């Protein structure tokens, strides 16, 4: 009699283990890839610092982004012998001078300064929030030396005429405001070395005080 025996065969499990490892690795890679491609949340976004948060004209703080910026300082002499001239300073550092009266050089001139000086002047405009100034003076001098400050940024223009006096009702805030404008005007003069065109105060006094 022939007896047929069923032979048992062991099933190899190592391919299954390899497959599970491969699936685990694939899942980990997919999660990593998805995380890399997902847009960052608002809390993760690092915005560049804004140098002029009030003026909103330059987020990079570089002079190359100030092509549309123009700063104008106009001084009038009034009845005295104060200098009368206009300085126009642009974002690229170019300067236009126009001397009218009581200055060493009457006429026009064009020259160049370091554009970094423009950035520092804009810091002062920004501290004053110049585009948002709403100020009314109780006392305004007539026929006195004064300065007009104008800031242009593309299609925006702000202008302030600074001619004031410390009257009895002038507040401390009002005094600080006008003194800040005077300091800003002096900074523009210093940045362009204006005395090379108008002369020093002593030189102008000798030349023009007796007129």
N, C-alpha and C. Protein backbone atom coordinates (compact mmCIF):
# COMPACT_ATOMS: atom_id res chain seq x y z
N UNK A 1 0.85 -1.17 0.00
CA UNK A 1 0.00 0.00 0.00
C UNK A 1 0.89 1.23 0.00
N UNK A 2 0.50 2.11 -0.86
CA UNK A 2 1.28 3.35 -0.98
C UNK A 2 0.62 4.40 -0.13
N UNK A 3 1.39 4.98 0.75
CA UNK A 3 0.89 6.02 1.64
C UNK A 3 1.47 7.37 1.19
N UNK A 4 0.53 8.31 0.96
CA UNK A 4 0.96 9.66 0.56
C UNK A 4 1.00 10.55 1.80
N UNK A 5 2.15 11.06 2.08
CA UNK A 5 2.30 11.94 3.24
C UNK A 5 2.35 13.42 2.78
N UNK A 6 1.62 14.25 3.54
CA UNK A 6 1.62 15.71 3.24
C UNK A 6 2.81 16.34 3.93
N UNK A 7 3.64 16.89 3.13
CA UNK A 7 4.85 17.50 3.67
C UNK A 7 4.53 18.93 4.14
N UNK A 8 4.89 19.25 5.33
CA UNK A 8 4.69 20.63 5.88
C UNK A 8 5.89 21.50 5.51
N UNK A 9 5.60 22.72 5.13
CA UNK A 9 6.67 23.66 4.76
C UNK A 9 6.57 24.91 5.65
N UNK A 10 7.68 25.35 6.17
CA UNK A 10 7.69 26.55 7.01
C UNK A 10 7.64 27.80 6.11
N UNK A 11 6.84 28.75 6.53
CA UNK A 11 6.69 30.00 5.75
C UNK A 11 7.76 30.99 6.21
N UNK A 12 8.56 31.50 5.31
CA UNK A 12 9.60 32.48 5.72
C UNK A 12 8.96 33.86 6.05
N UNK A 13 9.27 34.40 7.22
CA UNK A 13 8.67 35.68 7.64
C UNK A 13 9.56 36.89 7.36
N UNK A 14 10.80 36.68 6.97
CA UNK A 14 11.68 37.82 6.78
C UNK A 14 11.23 38.78 5.67
N UNK A 15 10.61 38.29 4.56
CA UNK A 15 10.15 39.30 3.57
C UNK A 15 9.09 40.21 4.15
N UNK A 16 8.22 39.65 5.01
CA UNK A 16 7.17 40.46 5.63
C UNK A 16 7.79 41.54 6.52
N UNK A 17 8.82 41.17 7.27
CA UNK A 17 9.49 42.15 8.14
C UNK A 17 10.13 43.26 7.34
N UNK A 18 10.77 42.88 6.23
CA UNK A 18 11.39 43.89 5.37
C UNK A 18 10.35 44.84 4.81
N UNK A 19 9.19 44.27 4.42
CA UNK A 19 8.13 45.11 3.87
C UNK A 19 7.59 46.09 4.89
N UNK A 20 7.44 45.62 6.14
CA UNK A 20 6.95 46.52 7.19
C UNK A 20 7.93 47.65 7.44
N UNK A 21 9.21 47.32 7.46
CA UNK A 21 10.22 48.36 7.64
C UNK A 21 10.18 49.38 6.51
N UNK A 22 9.99 48.87 5.29
CA UNK A 22 9.93 49.78 4.14
C UNK A 22 8.73 50.71 4.23
N UNK A 23 7.57 50.15 4.64
CA UNK A 23 6.37 50.98 4.79
C UNK A 23 6.54 52.03 5.88
N UNK A 24 7.20 51.63 6.98
CA UNK A 24 7.45 52.59 8.07
C UNK A 24 8.33 53.74 7.61
N UNK A 25 9.39 53.38 6.87
CA UNK A 25 10.30 54.42 6.36
C UNK A 25 9.59 55.32 5.37
N UNK A 26 8.74 54.76 4.51
CA UNK A 26 7.99 55.55 3.53
C UNK A 26 7.04 56.52 4.22
N UNK A 27 6.38 56.05 5.28
CA UNK A 27 5.46 56.92 6.01
C UNK A 27 6.18 58.08 6.68
N UNK A 28 7.36 57.78 7.26
CA UNK A 28 8.14 58.84 7.90
C UNK A 28 8.59 59.87 6.89
N UNK A 29 9.01 59.40 5.71
CA UNK A 29 9.45 60.35 4.66
C UNK A 29 8.29 61.20 4.20
N UNK A 30 7.10 60.63 4.05
CA UNK A 30 5.92 61.38 3.58
C UNK A 30 5.54 62.47 4.59
N UNK A 31 5.59 62.11 5.87
CA UNK A 31 5.26 63.12 6.89
C UNK A 31 6.28 64.25 6.88
N UNK A 32 7.56 63.93 6.71
CA UNK A 32 8.62 64.95 6.68
C UNK A 32 8.46 65.85 5.45
N UNK A 33 8.18 65.22 4.30
CA UNK A 33 8.04 65.98 3.06
C UNK A 33 6.83 66.91 3.14
N UNK A 34 5.74 66.44 3.72
CA UNK A 34 4.55 67.27 3.87
C UNK A 34 4.82 68.46 4.76
N UNK A 35 5.58 68.22 5.84
CA UNK A 35 5.91 69.31 6.76
C UNK A 35 6.78 70.35 6.08
N UNK A 36 7.72 69.87 5.22
CA UNK A 36 8.60 70.80 4.54
C UNK A 36 7.84 71.66 3.53
N UNK A 37 6.81 71.06 2.88
CA UNK A 37 6.08 71.78 1.85
C UNK A 37 4.95 72.62 2.40
N UNK A 38 4.57 72.43 3.64
CA UNK A 38 3.45 73.18 4.22
C UNK A 38 3.87 74.62 4.48
N UNK A 39 2.99 75.59 4.18
CA UNK A 39 3.33 77.00 4.46
C UNK A 39 3.45 77.24 5.95
N UNK A 40 4.40 78.10 6.37
CA UNK A 40 4.56 78.36 7.80
C UNK A 40 3.36 79.12 8.35
N UNK A 41 3.08 78.91 9.60
CA UNK A 41 2.00 79.65 10.25
C UNK A 41 2.42 81.08 10.48
N UNK A 42 1.45 81.93 10.81
CA UNK A 42 1.76 83.34 11.02
C UNK A 42 2.74 83.54 12.16
N UNK A 43 2.72 82.62 13.14
CA UNK A 43 3.64 82.75 14.27
C UNK A 43 5.06 82.34 13.89
N UNK A 44 5.21 81.60 12.76
CA UNK A 44 6.53 81.16 12.33
C UNK A 44 7.19 82.11 11.36
N UNK A 45 6.40 83.00 10.73
CA UNK A 45 6.94 83.91 9.72
C UNK A 45 7.77 84.99 10.39
N UNK A 46 9.00 85.15 9.95
CA UNK A 46 9.89 86.18 10.48
C UNK A 46 9.94 87.34 9.50
N UNK A 47 9.26 88.44 9.81
CA UNK A 47 9.25 89.60 8.95
C UNK A 47 10.51 90.42 9.16
N UNK A 48 11.03 91.05 8.08
CA UNK A 48 12.20 91.90 8.24
C UNK A 48 11.88 93.12 9.09
N UNK A 49 12.84 93.64 9.83
CA UNK A 49 12.57 94.82 10.66
C UNK A 49 12.23 96.02 9.80
N UNK A 50 11.33 96.84 10.30
CA UNK A 50 10.93 98.05 9.59
C UNK A 50 11.63 99.24 10.20
N UNK A 51 12.44 99.93 9.40
CA UNK A 51 13.20 101.05 9.95
C UNK A 51 12.30 102.27 10.17
N UNK A 52 11.31 102.45 9.31
CA UNK A 52 10.45 103.62 9.40
C UNK A 52 8.99 103.20 9.53
N UNK A 53 8.58 102.73 10.71
CA UNK A 53 7.21 102.22 10.88
C UNK A 53 6.14 103.28 10.73
N UNK A 54 6.46 104.54 11.02
CA UNK A 54 5.46 105.60 10.91
C UNK A 54 5.36 106.15 9.49
N UNK A 55 6.50 106.33 8.84
CA UNK A 55 6.50 106.87 7.48
C UNK A 55 6.07 105.84 6.45
N UNK A 56 6.36 104.57 6.70
CA UNK A 56 6.00 103.49 5.77
C UNK A 56 6.57 103.74 4.37
N UNK A 57 7.83 104.12 4.29
CA UNK A 57 8.43 104.38 2.99
C UNK A 57 9.63 103.48 2.70
N UNK A 58 10.12 102.75 3.73
CA UNK A 58 11.31 101.95 3.48
C UNK A 58 11.38 100.83 4.51
N UNK A 59 11.17 99.61 4.06
CA UNK A 59 11.23 98.48 4.98
C UNK A 59 12.61 97.88 5.09
N UNK A 60 13.48 98.18 4.14
CA UNK A 60 14.79 97.53 4.14
C UNK A 60 15.86 98.38 4.81
N UNK A 61 15.63 99.67 4.90
CA UNK A 61 16.65 100.55 5.47
C UNK A 61 17.80 100.82 4.54
N UNK A 62 17.65 100.49 3.25
CA UNK A 62 18.73 100.71 2.29
C UNK A 62 18.45 101.95 1.47
N UNK A 63 19.51 102.66 1.11
CA UNK A 63 19.33 103.90 0.36
C UNK A 63 18.77 103.64 -1.04
N UNK A 64 19.00 102.44 -1.58
CA UNK A 64 18.51 102.14 -2.92
C UNK A 64 17.00 102.11 -3.02
N UNK A 65 16.30 101.95 -1.92
CA UNK A 65 14.84 101.88 -1.94
C UNK A 65 14.20 103.24 -1.74
N UNK A 66 14.99 104.33 -1.76
CA UNK A 66 14.48 105.67 -1.46
C UNK A 66 14.46 106.55 -2.69
N UNK A 67 14.29 105.94 -3.86
CA UNK A 67 14.33 106.73 -5.09
C UNK A 67 13.22 107.77 -5.13
N UNK A 68 12.08 107.49 -4.51
CA UNK A 68 10.96 108.42 -4.54
C UNK A 68 10.91 109.40 -3.40
N UNK A 69 11.97 109.45 -2.60
CA UNK A 69 11.99 110.33 -1.41
C UNK A 69 12.68 111.65 -1.73
N UNK A 70 12.07 112.73 -1.27
CA UNK A 70 12.65 114.06 -1.43
C UNK A 70 12.40 114.86 -0.16
N UNK A 71 13.47 115.47 0.35
CA UNK A 71 13.41 116.28 1.57
C UNK A 71 13.78 117.71 1.20
N UNK A 72 12.92 118.65 1.61
CA UNK A 72 13.15 120.05 1.27
C UNK A 72 13.19 120.87 2.56
N UNK A 73 14.22 121.68 2.69
CA UNK A 73 14.32 122.66 3.78
C UNK A 73 14.42 124.04 3.16
N UNK A 74 13.47 124.88 3.49
CA UNK A 74 13.49 126.26 3.00
C UNK A 74 13.57 127.20 4.19
N UNK A 75 14.59 128.04 4.19
CA UNK A 75 14.74 129.04 5.25
C UNK A 75 14.47 130.43 4.67
N UNK A 76 13.71 131.22 5.44
CA UNK A 76 13.43 132.60 5.05
C UNK A 76 13.99 133.53 6.12
N UNK A 77 14.44 134.70 5.67
CA UNK A 77 15.18 135.60 6.55
C UNK A 77 14.29 136.51 7.37
N UNK A 78 13.06 136.77 6.95
CA UNK A 78 12.24 137.73 7.66
C UNK A 78 12.81 139.13 7.49
N UNK A 79 12.74 139.95 8.55
CA UNK A 79 13.26 141.32 8.50
C UNK A 79 14.73 141.40 8.89
N UNK A 80 15.29 140.33 9.39
CA UNK A 80 16.68 140.35 9.83
C UNK A 80 17.65 139.98 8.73
N UNK A 81 18.87 139.61 9.15
CA UNK A 81 19.89 139.22 8.19
C UNK A 81 20.10 137.70 8.18
N UNK A 82 19.09 136.98 8.61
CA UNK A 82 19.16 135.53 8.56
C UNK A 82 19.25 135.04 7.12
N UNK A 83 19.87 133.90 6.90
CA UNK A 83 20.05 133.40 5.53
C UNK A 83 18.74 132.96 4.91
N UNK A 84 18.63 133.18 3.62
CA UNK A 84 17.46 132.75 2.86
C UNK A 84 17.93 131.79 1.76
N UNK A 85 17.54 130.55 1.86
CA UNK A 85 17.99 129.54 0.89
C UNK A 85 17.09 128.32 0.96
N UNK A 86 17.23 127.44 -0.02
CA UNK A 86 16.48 126.19 -0.07
C UNK A 86 17.44 125.04 -0.34
N UNK A 87 17.27 123.98 0.41
CA UNK A 87 18.01 122.74 0.21
C UNK A 87 17.02 121.66 -0.20
N UNK A 88 17.31 120.97 -1.30
CA UNK A 88 16.51 119.82 -1.73
C UNK A 88 17.40 118.59 -1.72
N UNK A 89 17.06 117.64 -0.87
CA UNK A 89 17.87 116.43 -0.67
C UNK A 89 17.06 115.22 -1.11
N UNK A 90 17.62 114.42 -1.99
CA UNK A 90 16.91 113.24 -2.50
C UNK A 90 17.47 111.95 -1.89
N UNK A 91 16.71 110.89 -2.07
CA UNK A 91 17.05 109.63 -1.44
C UNK A 91 18.38 109.05 -1.87
N UNK A 92 18.85 109.41 -3.06
CA UNK A 92 20.13 108.89 -3.54
C UNK A 92 21.31 109.71 -3.06
N UNK A 93 21.05 110.75 -2.23
CA UNK A 93 22.12 111.58 -1.71
C UNK A 93 22.43 112.81 -2.55
N UNK A 94 21.71 113.01 -3.66
CA UNK A 94 21.94 114.21 -4.47
C UNK A 94 21.30 115.41 -3.78
N UNK A 95 21.97 116.57 -3.88
CA UNK A 95 21.54 117.79 -3.19
C UNK A 95 21.49 118.94 -4.19
N UNK A 96 20.42 119.73 -4.10
CA UNK A 96 20.29 120.94 -4.89
C UNK A 96 20.18 122.12 -3.93
N UNK A 97 21.05 123.10 -4.12
CA UNK A 97 21.08 124.29 -3.27
C UNK A 97 20.66 125.51 -4.08
N UNK A 98 19.84 126.37 -3.44
CA UNK A 98 19.46 127.63 -4.06
C UNK A 98 19.59 128.73 -3.01
N UNK A 99 20.62 129.55 -3.12
CA UNK A 99 20.83 130.65 -2.19
C UNK A 99 20.21 131.92 -2.72
N UNK A 100 19.41 132.60 -1.87
CA UNK A 100 18.69 133.78 -2.33
C UNK A 100 19.23 135.08 -1.71
N UNK A 101 19.38 135.13 -0.40
CA UNK A 101 19.79 136.39 0.23
C UNK A 101 20.54 136.10 1.52
N UNK A 102 21.42 137.02 1.89
CA UNK A 102 22.21 136.93 3.12
C UNK A 102 22.98 135.62 3.21
N UNK A 103 23.52 135.19 2.09
CA UNK A 103 24.33 133.97 2.03
C UNK A 103 25.61 134.28 1.26
N UNK A 104 26.64 133.49 1.51
CA UNK A 104 27.92 133.71 0.83
C UNK A 104 27.82 133.46 -0.66
N UNK A 105 27.03 132.46 -1.03
CA UNK A 105 26.87 132.15 -2.46
C UNK A 105 25.40 132.24 -2.84
N UNK A 106 25.08 133.23 -3.66
CA UNK A 106 23.73 133.36 -4.18
C UNK A 106 23.67 132.70 -5.55
N UNK A 107 22.73 131.80 -5.70
CA UNK A 107 22.62 131.06 -6.96
C UNK A 107 22.30 129.61 -6.68
N UNK A 108 22.53 128.79 -7.67
CA UNK A 108 22.18 127.37 -7.57
C UNK A 108 23.43 126.50 -7.69
N UNK A 109 23.38 125.37 -7.01
CA UNK A 109 24.48 124.41 -7.07
C UNK A 109 23.93 123.01 -6.83
N UNK A 110 24.59 122.03 -7.41
CA UNK A 110 24.20 120.63 -7.24
C UNK A 110 25.43 119.84 -6.81
N UNK A 111 25.25 119.00 -5.81
CA UNK A 111 26.37 118.19 -5.33
C UNK A 111 25.83 116.91 -4.71
N UNK A 112 26.72 116.08 -4.19
CA UNK A 112 26.37 114.75 -3.69
C UNK A 112 26.89 114.57 -2.27
N UNK A 113 26.08 113.92 -1.41
CA UNK A 113 26.52 113.53 -0.08
C UNK A 113 26.32 112.02 0.08
N UNK A 114 26.80 111.48 1.17
CA UNK A 114 26.65 110.06 1.46
C UNK A 114 25.17 109.73 1.65
N UNK A 115 24.60 108.80 0.87
CA UNK A 115 23.18 108.47 1.02
C UNK A 115 22.82 107.98 2.42
N UNK A 116 23.80 107.49 3.19
CA UNK A 116 23.52 107.04 4.55
C UNK A 116 23.02 108.20 5.41
N UNK A 117 23.43 109.42 5.07
CA UNK A 117 22.96 110.58 5.83
C UNK A 117 21.46 110.79 5.65
N UNK A 118 20.94 110.40 4.49
CA UNK A 118 19.50 110.53 4.24
C UNK A 118 18.72 109.60 5.18
N UNK A 119 19.25 108.40 5.38
CA UNK A 119 18.59 107.44 6.26
C UNK A 119 18.47 107.99 7.68
N UNK A 120 19.53 108.65 8.15
CA UNK A 120 19.53 109.19 9.51
C UNK A 120 18.55 110.35 9.64
N UNK A 121 18.44 111.17 8.60
CA UNK A 121 17.46 112.26 8.63
C UNK A 121 16.04 111.71 8.64
N UNK A 122 15.81 110.66 7.87
CA UNK A 122 14.48 110.05 7.85
C UNK A 122 14.12 109.45 9.20
N UNK A 123 15.12 109.02 9.97
CA UNK A 123 14.85 108.54 11.33
C UNK A 123 14.15 109.64 12.14
N UNK A 124 14.59 110.88 11.97
CA UNK A 124 13.99 111.98 12.72
C UNK A 124 12.58 112.30 12.20
N UNK A 125 12.39 112.24 10.89
CA UNK A 125 11.05 112.42 10.34
C UNK A 125 10.10 111.35 10.87
N UNK A 126 10.60 110.11 10.94
CA UNK A 126 9.78 109.02 11.43
C UNK A 126 9.42 109.20 12.91
N UNK A 127 10.39 109.67 13.70
CA UNK A 127 10.13 109.89 15.13
C UNK A 127 9.03 110.93 15.33
N UNK A 128 8.96 111.90 14.41
CA UNK A 128 7.91 112.92 14.48
C UNK A 128 6.60 112.45 13.86
N UNK A 129 6.62 111.27 13.20
CA UNK A 129 5.45 110.79 12.45
C UNK A 129 4.98 111.90 11.51
N UNK A 130 5.89 112.36 10.65
CA UNK A 130 5.71 113.61 9.93
C UNK A 130 4.48 113.63 9.04
N UNK A 131 4.15 112.50 8.43
CA UNK A 131 2.98 112.47 7.54
C UNK A 131 1.66 112.60 8.31
N UNK A 132 1.70 112.38 9.61
CA UNK A 132 0.47 112.41 10.40
C UNK A 132 0.37 113.65 11.29
N UNK A 133 1.29 114.62 11.13
CA UNK A 133 1.28 115.79 12.00
C UNK A 133 -0.01 116.60 11.82
N UNK A 134 -0.66 116.87 12.92
CA UNK A 134 -1.80 117.78 12.95
C UNK A 134 -1.55 118.74 14.12
N UNK A 135 -1.06 119.91 13.80
CA UNK A 135 -0.63 120.82 14.85
C UNK A 135 -1.09 122.23 14.52
N UNK A 136 -1.58 122.92 15.54
CA UNK A 136 -2.03 124.30 15.38
C UNK A 136 -1.38 125.15 16.46
N UNK A 137 -0.76 126.25 16.03
CA UNK A 137 -0.06 127.12 16.96
C UNK A 137 -0.96 128.26 17.42
N UNK A 138 -0.80 128.63 18.69
CA UNK A 138 -1.52 129.78 19.22
C UNK A 138 -0.80 131.08 18.89
N UNK A 139 0.53 131.00 18.80
CA UNK A 139 1.34 132.19 18.55
C UNK A 139 2.25 131.93 17.36
N UNK A 140 2.13 132.75 16.34
CA UNK A 140 2.98 132.65 15.15
C UNK A 140 3.62 134.01 14.92
N UNK A 141 4.93 134.01 14.79
CA UNK A 141 5.65 135.25 14.55
C UNK A 141 5.51 135.67 13.10
N UNK A 142 5.42 136.97 12.88
CA UNK A 142 5.39 137.52 11.54
C UNK A 142 6.71 138.25 11.27
N UNK A 143 7.14 138.18 10.02
CA UNK A 143 8.37 138.85 9.60
C UNK A 143 9.58 138.39 10.40
N UNK A 144 9.61 137.12 10.75
CA UNK A 144 10.73 136.55 11.49
C UNK A 144 11.34 135.41 10.69
N UNK A 145 12.58 135.09 11.01
CA UNK A 145 13.22 133.94 10.36
C UNK A 145 12.42 132.67 10.64
N UNK A 146 12.31 131.82 9.66
CA UNK A 146 11.52 130.60 9.82
C UNK A 146 12.07 129.53 8.88
N UNK A 147 11.63 128.31 9.12
CA UNK A 147 11.98 127.21 8.23
C UNK A 147 10.72 126.46 7.84
N UNK A 148 10.72 126.02 6.59
CA UNK A 148 9.65 125.16 6.09
C UNK A 148 10.25 123.81 5.77
N UNK A 149 9.67 122.76 6.32
CA UNK A 149 10.12 121.39 6.10
C UNK A 149 9.10 120.66 5.25
N UNK A 150 9.57 120.03 4.19
CA UNK A 150 8.69 119.29 3.28
C UNK A 150 9.27 117.89 3.09
N UNK A 151 8.43 116.89 3.20
CA UNK A 151 8.83 115.51 2.94
C UNK A 151 7.92 114.94 1.86
N UNK A 152 8.56 114.41 0.81
CA UNK A 152 7.82 113.77 -0.28
C UNK A 152 8.25 112.31 -0.36
N UNK A 153 7.27 111.44 -0.52
CA UNK A 153 7.55 110.01 -0.72
C UNK A 153 6.59 109.51 -1.78
N UNK A 154 7.08 109.40 -3.00
CA UNK A 154 6.25 109.04 -4.15
C UNK A 154 5.10 110.05 -4.28
N UNK A 155 3.86 109.62 -4.06
CA UNK A 155 2.73 110.54 -4.25
C UNK A 155 2.24 111.17 -2.94
N UNK A 156 2.98 110.99 -1.86
CA UNK A 156 2.59 111.60 -0.58
C UNK A 156 3.48 112.79 -0.28
N UNK A 157 2.85 113.85 0.24
CA UNK A 157 3.59 115.07 0.56
C UNK A 157 3.09 115.60 1.90
N UNK A 158 4.04 115.98 2.76
CA UNK A 158 3.70 116.62 4.03
C UNK A 158 4.59 117.85 4.18
N UNK A 159 4.00 118.94 4.67
CA UNK A 159 4.72 120.21 4.79
C UNK A 159 4.38 120.87 6.12
N UNK A 160 5.38 121.46 6.76
CA UNK A 160 5.14 122.19 8.00
C UNK A 160 5.99 123.45 8.03
N UNK A 161 5.32 124.58 8.31
CA UNK A 161 5.97 125.88 8.42
C UNK A 161 6.24 126.13 9.90
N UNK A 162 7.51 126.25 10.25
CA UNK A 162 7.90 126.35 11.66
C UNK A 162 8.37 127.77 11.97
N UNK A 163 7.45 128.56 12.51
CA UNK A 163 7.76 129.92 12.93
C UNK A 163 6.91 130.20 14.16
N UNK A 164 7.52 130.19 15.32
CA UNK A 164 6.73 130.19 16.54
C UNK A 164 7.40 131.02 17.63
N UNK A 165 6.67 131.20 18.70
CA UNK A 165 7.20 131.95 19.84
C UNK A 165 6.69 131.30 21.12
N UNK A 166 7.46 131.37 22.16
CA UNK A 166 7.06 130.82 23.46
C UNK A 166 6.13 131.81 24.16
N UNK A 167 4.86 131.73 23.82
CA UNK A 167 3.89 132.59 24.47
C UNK A 167 3.55 132.11 25.86
N UNK A 168 2.77 132.89 26.61
CA UNK A 168 2.45 132.52 27.99
C UNK A 168 1.64 131.23 28.10
N UNK A 169 0.93 130.88 27.04
CA UNK A 169 0.10 129.67 27.08
C UNK A 169 0.73 128.50 26.32
N UNK A 170 1.98 128.64 25.93
CA UNK A 170 2.64 127.56 25.18
C UNK A 170 2.96 126.40 26.11
N UNK A 171 2.47 125.23 25.75
CA UNK A 171 2.66 124.05 26.60
C UNK A 171 4.05 123.46 26.40
N UNK A 172 4.45 122.62 27.36
CA UNK A 172 5.75 121.96 27.26
C UNK A 172 5.80 121.04 26.04
N UNK A 173 4.68 120.37 25.73
CA UNK A 173 4.63 119.49 24.55
C UNK A 173 4.80 120.31 23.28
N UNK A 174 4.19 121.49 23.24
CA UNK A 174 4.30 122.35 22.07
C UNK A 174 5.74 122.82 21.88
N UNK A 175 6.39 123.16 22.95
CA UNK A 175 7.79 123.60 22.88
C UNK A 175 8.67 122.46 22.37
N UNK A 176 8.46 121.26 22.90
CA UNK A 176 9.26 120.10 22.46
C UNK A 176 9.04 119.81 20.98
N UNK A 177 7.80 119.97 20.53
CA UNK A 177 7.48 119.71 19.13
C UNK A 177 8.25 120.66 18.21
N UNK A 178 8.20 121.96 18.50
CA UNK A 178 8.88 122.94 17.66
C UNK A 178 10.39 122.79 17.76
N UNK A 179 10.90 122.48 18.91
CA UNK A 179 12.33 122.27 19.05
C UNK A 179 12.78 121.04 18.28
N UNK A 180 11.92 120.03 18.17
CA UNK A 180 12.24 118.85 17.36
C UNK A 180 12.32 119.21 15.88
N UNK A 181 11.43 120.09 15.43
CA UNK A 181 11.48 120.54 14.04
C UNK A 181 12.75 121.36 13.78
N UNK A 182 13.11 122.20 14.73
CA UNK A 182 14.34 122.98 14.58
C UNK A 182 15.56 122.06 14.53
N UNK A 183 15.57 121.04 15.38
CA UNK A 183 16.69 120.08 15.38
C UNK A 183 16.75 119.33 14.06
N UNK A 184 15.60 118.98 13.49
CA UNK A 184 15.55 118.30 12.21
C UNK A 184 16.12 119.19 11.10
N UNK A 185 15.75 120.47 11.12
CA UNK A 185 16.28 121.41 10.13
C UNK A 185 17.79 121.54 10.25
N UNK A 186 18.30 121.59 11.49
CA UNK A 186 19.75 121.67 11.68
C UNK A 186 20.45 120.42 11.17
N UNK A 187 19.81 119.27 11.36
CA UNK A 187 20.39 118.02 10.87
C UNK A 187 20.53 118.02 9.36
N UNK A 188 19.54 118.58 8.67
CA UNK A 188 19.63 118.68 7.21
C UNK A 188 20.78 119.62 6.82
N UNK A 189 20.87 120.77 7.51
CA UNK A 189 21.98 121.70 7.24
C UNK A 189 23.33 121.01 7.45
N UNK A 190 23.46 120.28 8.56
CA UNK A 190 24.73 119.63 8.85
C UNK A 190 25.05 118.53 7.84
N UNK A 191 24.03 117.80 7.40
CA UNK A 191 24.26 116.69 6.47
C UNK A 191 24.80 117.18 5.13
N UNK A 192 24.37 118.36 4.71
CA UNK A 192 24.81 118.89 3.40
C UNK A 192 25.95 119.89 3.55
N UNK A 193 26.45 120.09 4.78
CA UNK A 193 27.54 121.05 5.03
C UNK A 193 27.18 122.43 4.47
N UNK A 194 26.04 122.94 4.92
CA UNK A 194 25.47 124.13 4.30
C UNK A 194 26.35 125.36 4.46
N UNK A 195 27.20 125.39 5.49
CA UNK A 195 28.02 126.59 5.71
C UNK A 195 29.02 126.82 4.58
N UNK A 196 29.31 125.79 3.80
CA UNK A 196 30.20 126.00 2.66
C UNK A 196 29.54 126.88 1.60
N UNK A 197 28.21 127.01 1.67
CA UNK A 197 27.47 127.81 0.70
C UNK A 197 26.94 129.11 1.31
N UNK A 198 26.53 129.07 2.55
CA UNK A 198 25.95 130.28 3.15
C UNK A 198 26.95 131.05 4.00
N UNK A 199 28.07 130.41 4.36
CA UNK A 199 29.04 131.02 5.25
C UNK A 199 28.68 130.76 6.71
N UNK A 200 29.63 130.97 7.60
CA UNK A 200 29.38 130.80 9.02
C UNK A 200 28.54 131.98 9.54
N UNK A 201 27.99 131.82 10.73
CA UNK A 201 27.19 132.90 11.30
C UNK A 201 28.03 134.16 11.48
N UNK A 202 29.27 134.01 11.92
CA UNK A 202 30.15 135.16 12.11
C UNK A 202 30.43 135.85 10.78
N UNK A 203 30.69 135.07 9.75
CA UNK A 203 30.95 135.65 8.43
C UNK A 203 29.74 136.40 7.90
N UNK A 204 28.56 135.83 8.10
CA UNK A 204 27.34 136.49 7.62
C UNK A 204 27.03 137.75 8.44
N UNK A 205 27.33 137.72 9.73
CA UNK A 205 27.08 138.89 10.56
C UNK A 205 27.95 140.07 10.11
N UNK A 206 29.21 139.80 9.84
CA UNK A 206 30.12 140.85 9.39
C UNK A 206 29.67 141.41 8.04
N UNK A 207 29.18 140.54 7.19
CA UNK A 207 28.86 140.93 5.82
C UNK A 207 27.47 141.54 5.66
N UNK A 208 26.51 141.06 6.46
CA UNK A 208 25.12 141.44 6.20
C UNK A 208 24.41 142.18 7.34
N UNK A 209 24.98 142.18 8.55
CA UNK A 209 24.24 142.72 9.71
C UNK A 209 23.95 144.20 9.59
N UNK A 210 24.80 144.96 8.95
CA UNK A 210 24.61 146.41 8.88
C UNK A 210 23.76 146.85 7.70
N UNK A 211 23.29 145.92 6.94
CA UNK A 211 22.49 146.28 5.76
C UNK A 211 21.06 146.65 6.17
